[in-house]
PDB file of N, CA and C in Angstrom:
ATOM      1  N   UNK A   1     192.489   3.577 120.780  1.00  0.00           N
ATOM      2  CA  UNK A   1     192.316   3.393 119.358  1.00  0.00           C
ATOM      3  C   UNK A   1     192.882   4.630 118.657  1.00  0.00           C
ATOM      4  N   UNK A   2     193.681   4.383 117.631  1.00  0.00           N
ATOM      5  CA  UNK A   2     194.266   5.478 116.858  1.00  0.00           C
ATOM      6  C   UNK A   2     193.777   5.377 115.418  1.00  0.00           C
ATOM      7  N   UNK A   3     193.223   6.492 114.929  1.00  0.00           N
ATOM      8  CA  UNK A   3     192.712   6.550 113.562  1.00  0.00           C
ATOM      9  C   UNK A   3     193.422   7.673 112.825  1.00  0.00           C
ATOM     10  N   UNK A   4     193.945   7.331 111.647  1.00  0.00           N
ATOM     11  CA  UNK A   4     194.508   8.321 110.744  1.00  0.00           C
ATOM     12  C   UNK A   4     193.688   8.268 109.462  1.00  0.00           C
ATOM     13  N   UNK A   5     193.226   9.420 109.025  1.00  0.00           N
ATOM     14  CA  UNK A   5     192.447   9.520 107.796  1.00  0.00           C
ATOM     15  C   UNK A   5     193.259  10.285 106.757  1.00  0.00           C
ATOM     16  N   UNK A   6     193.663   9.588 105.706  1.00  0.00           N
ATOM     17  CA  UNK A   6     194.327  10.225 104.579  1.00  0.00           C
ATOM     18  C   UNK A   6     193.231  10.687 103.625  1.00  0.00           C
ATOM     19  N   UNK A   7     193.239  11.978 103.295  1.00  0.00           N
ATOM     20  CA  UNK A   7     192.169  12.510 102.466  1.00  0.00           C
ATOM     21  C   UNK A   7     192.713  13.495 101.446  1.00  0.00           C
ATOM     22  N   UNK A   8     191.943  13.688 100.400  1.00  0.00           N
ATOM     23  CA  UNK A   8     192.226  14.711  99.402  1.00  0.00           C
ATOM     24  C   UNK A   8     191.230  15.844  99.614  1.00  0.00           C
ATOM     25  N   UNK A   9     191.692  17.069  99.441  1.00  0.00           N
ATOM     26  CA  UNK A   9     190.798  18.223  99.577  1.00  0.00           C
ATOM     27  C   UNK A   9     189.632  18.090  98.609  1.00  0.00           C
ATOM     28  N   UNK A  10     188.436  18.361  99.099  1.00  0.00           N
ATOM     29  CA  UNK A  10     187.249  18.333  98.257  1.00  0.00           C
ATOM     30  C   UNK A  10     186.675  16.957  97.993  1.00  0.00           C
ATOM     31  N   UNK A  11     187.241  15.924  98.575  1.00  0.00           N
ATOM     32  CA  UNK A  11     186.754  14.559  98.351  1.00  0.00           C
ATOM     33  C   UNK A  11     185.460  14.338  99.141  1.00  0.00           C
ATOM     34  N   UNK A  12     184.353  14.070  98.455  1.00  0.00           N
ATOM     35  CA  UNK A  12     183.085  13.893  99.170  1.00  0.00           C
ATOM     36  C   UNK A  12     183.062  12.627 100.029  1.00  0.00           C
ATOM     37  N   UNK A  13     183.793  11.602  99.631  1.00  0.00           N
ATOM     38  CA  UNK A  13     183.816  10.361 100.417  1.00  0.00           C
ATOM     39  C   UNK A  13     184.582  10.582 101.712  1.00  0.00           C
ATOM     40  N   UNK A  14     185.655  11.383 101.638  1.00  0.00           N
ATOM     41  CA  UNK A  14     186.387  11.742 102.854  1.00  0.00           C
ATOM     42  C   UNK A  14     185.493  12.540 103.787  1.00  0.00           C
ATOM     43  N   UNK A  15     184.756  13.481 103.229  1.00  0.00           N
ATOM     44  CA  UNK A  15     183.851  14.297 104.037  1.00  0.00           C
ATOM     45  C   UNK A  15     182.805  13.431 104.730  1.00  0.00           C
ATOM     46  N   UNK A  16     182.314  12.418 104.032  1.00  0.00           N
ATOM     47  CA  UNK A  16     181.312  11.523 104.629  1.00  0.00           C
ATOM     48  C   UNK A  16     181.908  10.740 105.797  1.00  0.00           C
ATOM     49  N   UNK A  17     183.121  10.216 105.626  1.00  0.00           N
ATOM     50  CA  UNK A  17     183.768   9.460 106.701  1.00  0.00           C
ATOM     51  C   UNK A  17     184.068  10.381 107.880  1.00  0.00           C
ATOM     52  N   UNK A  18     184.546  11.582 107.603  1.00  0.00           N
ATOM     53  CA  UNK A  18     184.824  12.530 108.677  1.00  0.00           C
ATOM     54  C   UNK A  18     183.538  12.887 109.430  1.00  0.00           C
ATOM     55  N   UNK A  19     182.459  13.114 108.694  1.00  0.00           N
ATOM     56  CA  UNK A  19     181.179  13.413 109.338  1.00  0.00           C
ATOM     57  C   UNK A  19     180.705  12.274 110.218  1.00  0.00           C
ATOM     58  N   UNK A  20     180.888  11.053 109.741  1.00  0.00           N
ATOM     59  CA  UNK A  20     180.491   9.871 110.509  1.00  0.00           C
ATOM     60  C   UNK A  20     181.291   9.776 111.807  1.00  0.00           C
ATOM     61  N   UNK A  21     182.613   9.924 111.716  1.00  0.00           N
ATOM     62  CA  UNK A  21     183.453   9.862 112.919  1.00  0.00           C
ATOM     63  C   UNK A  21     183.124  11.005 113.871  1.00  0.00           C
ATOM     64  N   UNK A  22     182.889  12.196 113.328  1.00  0.00           N
ATOM     65  CA  UNK A  22     182.525  13.345 114.174  1.00  0.00           C
ATOM     66  C   UNK A  22     181.200  13.096 114.894  1.00  0.00           C
ATOM     67  N   UNK A  23     180.249  12.524 114.180  1.00  0.00           N
ATOM     68  CA  UNK A  23     178.939  12.233 114.769  1.00  0.00           C
ATOM     69  C   UNK A  23     179.062  11.285 115.960  1.00  0.00           C
ATOM     70  N   UNK A  24     180.020  10.362 115.867  1.00  0.00           N
ATOM     71  CA  UNK A  24     180.236   9.393 116.945  1.00  0.00           C
ATOM     72  C   UNK A  24     181.215   9.901 117.999  1.00  0.00           C
ATOM     73  N   UNK A  25     181.713  11.139 117.805  1.00  0.00           N
ATOM     74  CA  UNK A  25     182.702  11.723 118.720  1.00  0.00           C
ATOM     75  C   UNK A  25     183.949  10.856 118.849  1.00  0.00           C
ATOM     76  N   UNK A  26     184.375  10.291 117.738  1.00  0.00           N
ATOM     77  CA  UNK A  26     185.584   9.469 117.707  1.00  0.00           C
ATOM     78  C   UNK A  26     186.721  10.338 117.182  1.00  0.00           C
ATOM     79  N   UNK A  27     187.773  10.511 117.981  1.00  0.00           N
ATOM     80  CA  UNK A  27     188.886  11.349 117.535  1.00  0.00           C
ATOM     81  C   UNK A  27     189.695  10.660 116.430  1.00  0.00           C
ATOM     82  N   UNK A  28     190.230  11.468 115.544  1.00  0.00           N
ATOM     83  CA  UNK A  28     191.057  10.954 114.450  1.00  0.00           C
ATOM     84  C   UNK A  28     192.005  12.051 113.996  1.00  0.00           C
ATOM     85  N   UNK A  29     193.077  11.622 113.364  1.00  0.00           N
ATOM     86  CA  UNK A  29     194.051  12.550 112.799  1.00  0.00           C
ATOM     87  C   UNK A  29     193.815  12.627 111.296  1.00  0.00           C
ATOM     88  N   UNK A  30     193.871  13.831 110.759  1.00  0.00           N
ATOM     89  CA  UNK A  30     193.708  14.022 109.318  1.00  0.00           C
ATOM     90  C   UNK A  30     195.074  14.262 108.700  1.00  0.00           C
ATOM     91  N   UNK A  31     195.347  13.533 107.621  1.00  0.00           N
ATOM     92  CA  UNK A  31     196.538  13.778 106.823  1.00  0.00           C
ATOM     93  C   UNK A  31     196.050  14.106 105.414  1.00  0.00           C
ATOM     94  N   UNK A  32     196.102  15.391 105.075  1.00  0.00           N
ATOM     95  CA  UNK A  32     195.599  15.851 103.790  1.00  0.00           C
ATOM     96  C   UNK A  32     196.684  15.689 102.735  1.00  0.00           C
ATOM     97  N   UNK A  33     196.485  14.731 101.837  1.00  0.00           N
ATOM     98  CA  UNK A  33     197.483  14.430 100.811  1.00  0.00           C
ATOM     99  C   UNK A  33     197.567  15.517  99.751  1.00  0.00           C
ATOM    100  N   UNK A  34     196.584  16.413  99.712  1.00  0.00           N
ATOM    101  CA  UNK A  34     196.600  17.511  98.751  1.00  0.00           C
ATOM    102  C   UNK A  34     197.533  18.628  99.199  1.00  0.00           C
ATOM    103  N   UNK A  35     197.598  18.874 100.489  1.00  0.00           N
ATOM    104  CA  UNK A  35     198.336  20.032 100.986  1.00  0.00           C
ATOM    105  C   UNK A  35     199.710  19.708 101.557  1.00  0.00           C
ATOM    106  N   UNK A  36     199.979  18.446 101.851  1.00  0.00           N
ATOM    107  CA  UNK A  36     201.281  18.075 102.403  1.00  0.00           C
ATOM    108  C   UNK A  36     201.950  17.090 101.451  1.00  0.00           C
ATOM    109  N   UNK A  37     203.074  17.468 100.842  1.00  0.00           N
ATOM    110  CA  UNK A  37     203.700  16.604  99.842  1.00  0.00           C
ATOM    111  C   UNK A  37     204.243  15.279 100.385  1.00  0.00           C
ATOM    112  N   UNK A  38     204.408  15.138 101.678  1.00  0.00           N
ATOM    113  CA  UNK A  38     204.888  13.877 102.248  1.00  0.00           C
ATOM    114  C   UNK A  38     203.779  12.829 102.339  1.00  0.00           C
ATOM    115  N   UNK A  39     202.550  13.259 102.475  1.00  0.00           N
ATOM    116  CA  UNK A  39     201.454  12.320 102.714  1.00  0.00           C
ATOM    117  C   UNK A  39     201.079  11.442 101.521  1.00  0.00           C
ATOM    118  N   UNK A  40     201.145  11.910 100.270  1.00  0.00           N
ATOM    119  CA  UNK A  40     200.827  10.988  99.169  1.00  0.00           C
ATOM    120  C   UNK A  40     201.737   9.759  99.154  1.00  0.00           C
ATOM    121  N   UNK A  41     203.011   9.961  99.378  1.00  0.00           N
ATOM    122  CA  UNK A  41     203.941   8.820  99.415  1.00  0.00           C
ATOM    123  C   UNK A  41     203.644   7.931 100.626  1.00  0.00           C
ATOM    124  N   UNK A  42     203.340   8.555 101.753  1.00  0.00           N
ATOM    125  CA  UNK A  42     203.034   7.798 102.975  1.00  0.00           C
ATOM    126  C   UNK A  42     201.819   6.905 102.771  1.00  0.00           C
ATOM    127  N   UNK A  43     200.762   7.430 102.170  1.00  0.00           N
ATOM    128  CA  UNK A  43     199.554   6.628 101.958  1.00  0.00           C
ATOM    129  C   UNK A  43     199.830   5.492 100.969  1.00  0.00           C
ATOM    130  N   UNK A  44     200.676   5.742  99.973  1.00  0.00           N
ATOM    131  CA  UNK A  44     201.024   4.683  99.025  1.00  0.00           C
ATOM    132  C   UNK A  44     201.825   3.578  99.703  1.00  0.00           C
ATOM    133  N   UNK A  45     202.711   3.945 100.617  1.00  0.00           N
ATOM    134  CA  UNK A  45     203.511   2.954 101.338  1.00  0.00           C
ATOM    135  C   UNK A  45     202.619   2.079 102.225  1.00  0.00           C
ATOM    136  N   UNK A  46     201.694   2.697 102.958  1.00  0.00           N
ATOM    137  CA  UNK A  46     200.884   1.916 103.899  1.00  0.00           C
ATOM    138  C   UNK A  46     199.776   1.124 103.217  1.00  0.00           C
ATOM    139  N   UNK A  47     199.307   1.613 102.039  1.00  0.00           N
ATOM    140  CA  UNK A  47     198.142   0.966 101.435  1.00  0.00           C
ATOM    141  C   UNK A  47     198.377   0.402 100.038  1.00  0.00           C
ATOM    142  N   UNK A  48     199.467   0.792  99.393  1.00  0.00           N
ATOM    143  CA  UNK A  48     199.724   0.317  98.049  1.00  0.00           C
ATOM    144  C   UNK A  48     198.943   1.051  96.970  1.00  0.00           C
ATOM    145  N   UNK A  49     198.288   2.123  97.331  1.00  0.00           N
ATOM    146  CA  UNK A  49     197.489   2.894  96.361  1.00  0.00           C
ATOM    147  C   UNK A  49     197.364   4.337  96.836  1.00  0.00           C
ATOM    148  N   UNK A  50     196.620   5.147  96.083  1.00  0.00           N
ATOM    149  CA  UNK A  50     196.502   6.571  96.447  1.00  0.00           C
ATOM    150  C   UNK A  50     195.056   7.040  96.541  1.00  0.00           C
ATOM    151  N   UNK A  51     194.148   6.130  96.801  1.00  0.00           N
ATOM    152  CA  UNK A  51     192.717   6.480  96.867  1.00  0.00           C
ATOM    153  C   UNK A  51     192.400   7.281  98.120  1.00  0.00           C
ATOM    154  N   UNK A  52     191.336   8.057  98.008  1.00  0.00           N
ATOM    155  CA  UNK A  52     190.869   8.868  99.127  1.00  0.00           C
ATOM    156  C   UNK A  52     189.394   8.571  99.359  1.00  0.00           C
ATOM    157  N   UNK A  53     189.054   8.352 100.625  1.00  0.00           N
ATOM    158  CA  UNK A  53     189.898   8.339 101.803  1.00  0.00           C
ATOM    159  C   UNK A  53     190.534   6.969 102.035  1.00  0.00           C
ATOM    160  N   UNK A  54     191.680   7.005 102.642  1.00  0.00           N
ATOM    161  CA  UNK A  54     192.311   5.790 103.150  1.00  0.00           C
ATOM    162  C   UNK A  54     192.362   5.944 104.654  1.00  0.00           C
ATOM    163  N   UNK A  55     191.948   4.907 105.349  1.00  0.00           N
ATOM    164  CA  UNK A  55     191.865   4.955 106.807  1.00  0.00           C
ATOM    165  C   UNK A  55     192.864   3.967 107.400  1.00  0.00           C
ATOM    166  N   UNK A  56     193.603   4.434 108.390  1.00  0.00           N
ATOM    167  CA  UNK A  56     194.496   3.583 109.176  1.00  0.00           C
ATOM    168  C   UNK A  56     193.872   3.505 110.557  1.00  0.00           C
ATOM    169  N   UNK A  57     193.349   2.330 110.879  1.00  0.00           N
ATOM    170  CA  UNK A  57     192.675   2.121 112.161  1.00  0.00           C
ATOM    171  C   UNK A  57     193.509   1.143 112.967  1.00  0.00           C
ATOM    172  N   UNK A  58     194.305   1.681 113.880  1.00  0.00           N
ATOM    173  CA  UNK A  58     195.209   0.862 114.691  1.00  0.00           C
ATOM    174  C   UNK A  58     196.082  -0.041 113.827  1.00  0.00           C
ATOM    175  N   UNK A  59     196.546   0.476 112.696  1.00  0.00           N
ATOM    176  CA  UNK A  59     197.428  -0.290 111.826  1.00  0.00           C
ATOM    177  C   UNK A  59     196.728  -1.119 110.774  1.00  0.00           C
ATOM    178  N   UNK A  60     195.421  -1.258 110.864  1.00  0.00           N
ATOM    179  CA  UNK A  60     194.660  -1.948 109.822  1.00  0.00           C
ATOM    180  C   UNK A  60     194.269  -0.895 108.782  1.00  0.00           C
ATOM    181  N   UNK A  61     194.610  -1.167 107.528  1.00  0.00           N
ATOM    182  CA  UNK A  61     194.435  -0.179 106.467  1.00  0.00           C
ATOM    183  C   UNK A  61     193.168  -0.470 105.670  1.00  0.00           C
ATOM    184  N   UNK A  62     192.393   0.599 105.439  1.00  0.00           N
ATOM    185  CA  UNK A  62     191.175   0.524 104.646  1.00  0.00           C
ATOM    186  C   UNK A  62     191.304   1.507 103.481  1.00  0.00           C
ATOM    187  N   UNK A  63     191.829   1.017 102.335  1.00  0.00           N
ATOM    188  CA  UNK A  63     191.952   1.917 101.187  1.00  0.00           C
ATOM    189  C   UNK A  63     190.588   2.197 100.574  1.00  0.00           C
ATOM    190  N   UNK A  64     190.403   3.418 100.109  1.00  0.00           N
ATOM    191  CA  UNK A  64     189.145   3.822  99.480  1.00  0.00           C
ATOM    192  C   UNK A  64     187.972   3.516 100.407  1.00  0.00           C
ATOM    193  N   UNK A  65     188.126   3.884 101.677  1.00  0.00           N
ATOM    194  CA  UNK A  65     187.167   3.537 102.732  1.00  0.00           C
ATOM    195  C   UNK A  65     185.830   4.247 102.545  1.00  0.00           C
ATOM    196  N   UNK A  66     184.775   3.516 102.841  1.00  0.00           N
ATOM    197  CA  UNK A  66     183.425   4.085 102.856  1.00  0.00           C
ATOM    198  C   UNK A  66     182.943   4.169 104.302  1.00  0.00           C
ATOM    199  N   UNK A  67     181.855   4.873 104.509  1.00  0.00           N
ATOM    200  CA  UNK A  67     181.263   4.939 105.843  1.00  0.00           C
ATOM    201  C   UNK A  67     180.912   3.529 106.322  1.00  0.00           C
ATOM    202  N   UNK A  68     180.420   2.698 105.418  1.00  0.00           N
ATOM    203  CA  UNK A  68     180.066   1.320 105.783  1.00  0.00           C
ATOM    204  C   UNK A  68     181.299   0.540 106.239  1.00  0.00           C
ATOM    205  N   UNK A  69     182.427   0.719 105.533  1.00  0.00           N
ATOM    206  CA  UNK A  69     183.674   0.049 105.935  1.00  0.00           C
ATOM    207  C   UNK A  69     184.086   0.470 107.339  1.00  0.00           C
ATOM    208  N   UNK A  70     184.008   1.767 107.593  1.00  0.00           N
ATOM    209  CA  UNK A  70     184.401   2.304 108.891  1.00  0.00           C
ATOM    210  C   UNK A  70     183.465   1.788 109.983  1.00  0.00           C
ATOM    211  N   UNK A  71     182.167   1.775 109.716  1.00  0.00           N
ATOM    212  CA  UNK A  71     181.200   1.280 110.699  1.00  0.00           C
ATOM    213  C   UNK A  71     181.484  -0.175 111.043  1.00  0.00           C
ATOM    214  N   UNK A  72     181.741  -1.005 110.036  1.00  0.00           N
ATOM    215  CA  UNK A  72     182.030  -2.421 110.290  1.00  0.00           C
ATOM    216  C   UNK A  72     183.312  -2.585 111.104  1.00  0.00           C
ATOM    217  N   UNK A  73     184.338  -1.803 110.775  1.00  0.00           N
ATOM    218  CA  UNK A  73     185.604  -1.894 111.505  1.00  0.00           C
ATOM    219  C   UNK A  73     185.425  -1.476 112.963  1.00  0.00           C
ATOM    220  N   UNK A  74     184.648  -0.440 113.195  1.00  0.00           N
ATOM    221  CA  UNK A  74     184.411   0.005 114.565  1.00  0.00           C
ATOM    222  C   UNK A  74     183.586  -1.012 115.341  1.00  0.00           C
ATOM    223  N   UNK A  75     182.587  -1.592 114.698  1.00  0.00           N
ATOM    224  CA  UNK A  75     181.773  -2.607 115.361  1.00  0.00           C
ATOM    225  C   UNK A  75     182.619  -3.814 115.744  1.00  0.00           C
ATOM    226  N   UNK A  76     183.563  -4.204 114.889  1.00  0.00           N
ATOM    227  CA  UNK A  76     184.473  -5.306 115.207  1.00  0.00           C
ATOM    228  C   UNK A  76     185.304  -5.008 116.443  1.00  0.00           C
ATOM    229  N   UNK A  77     185.518  -3.728 116.695  1.00  0.00           N
ATOM    230  CA  UNK A  77     186.295  -3.314 117.859  1.00  0.00           C
ATOM    231  C   UNK A  77     185.423  -3.003 119.057  1.00  0.00           C
ATOM    232  N   UNK A  78     184.148  -3.347 118.991  1.00  0.00           N
ATOM    233  CA  UNK A  78     183.258  -3.208 120.126  1.00  0.00           C
ATOM    234  C   UNK A  78     182.604  -1.856 120.270  1.00  0.00           C
ATOM    235  N   UNK A  79     182.730  -0.997 119.256  1.00  0.00           N
ATOM    236  CA  UNK A  79     182.078   0.302 119.306  1.00  0.00           C
ATOM    237  C   UNK A  79     180.699   0.161 118.685  1.00  0.00           C
ATOM    238  N   UNK A  80     179.687   0.433 119.474  1.00  0.00           N
ATOM    239  CA  UNK A  80     178.312   0.274 119.030  1.00  0.00           C
ATOM    240  C   UNK A  80     177.920   1.468 118.183  1.00  0.00           C
ATOM    241  N   UNK A  81     177.406   1.181 117.007  1.00  0.00           N
ATOM    242  CA  UNK A  81     177.005   2.231 116.073  1.00  0.00           C
ATOM    243  C   UNK A  81     175.507   2.436 116.175  1.00  0.00           C
TER     244      UNK A  81
END
C-alpha cells in the first residue's frame, strides 16, 4: 500500500491525519505544498482542487481528507482500526 499525503504547513487537519497514520504505524510519504512549489500543481492535477490534506491511497484520491475518511479507506483495504 502506498500513501501520499499532500499537506500545508500548520494545517490542523493534516496533523490529525498524520497522527492517525503514525498511531497505526502505517508508512506514508509527505508532500508539503507550502514548501515545495511543484506540489501545489501536482495536488491540483490529481485531485482537481488544492485542499489540505489530500490523500493519495494507492491511486484513490481523497481531497480534503478527514481522519474518518482515512479510517474508512483503510478498513475497505482490510486494515483493522
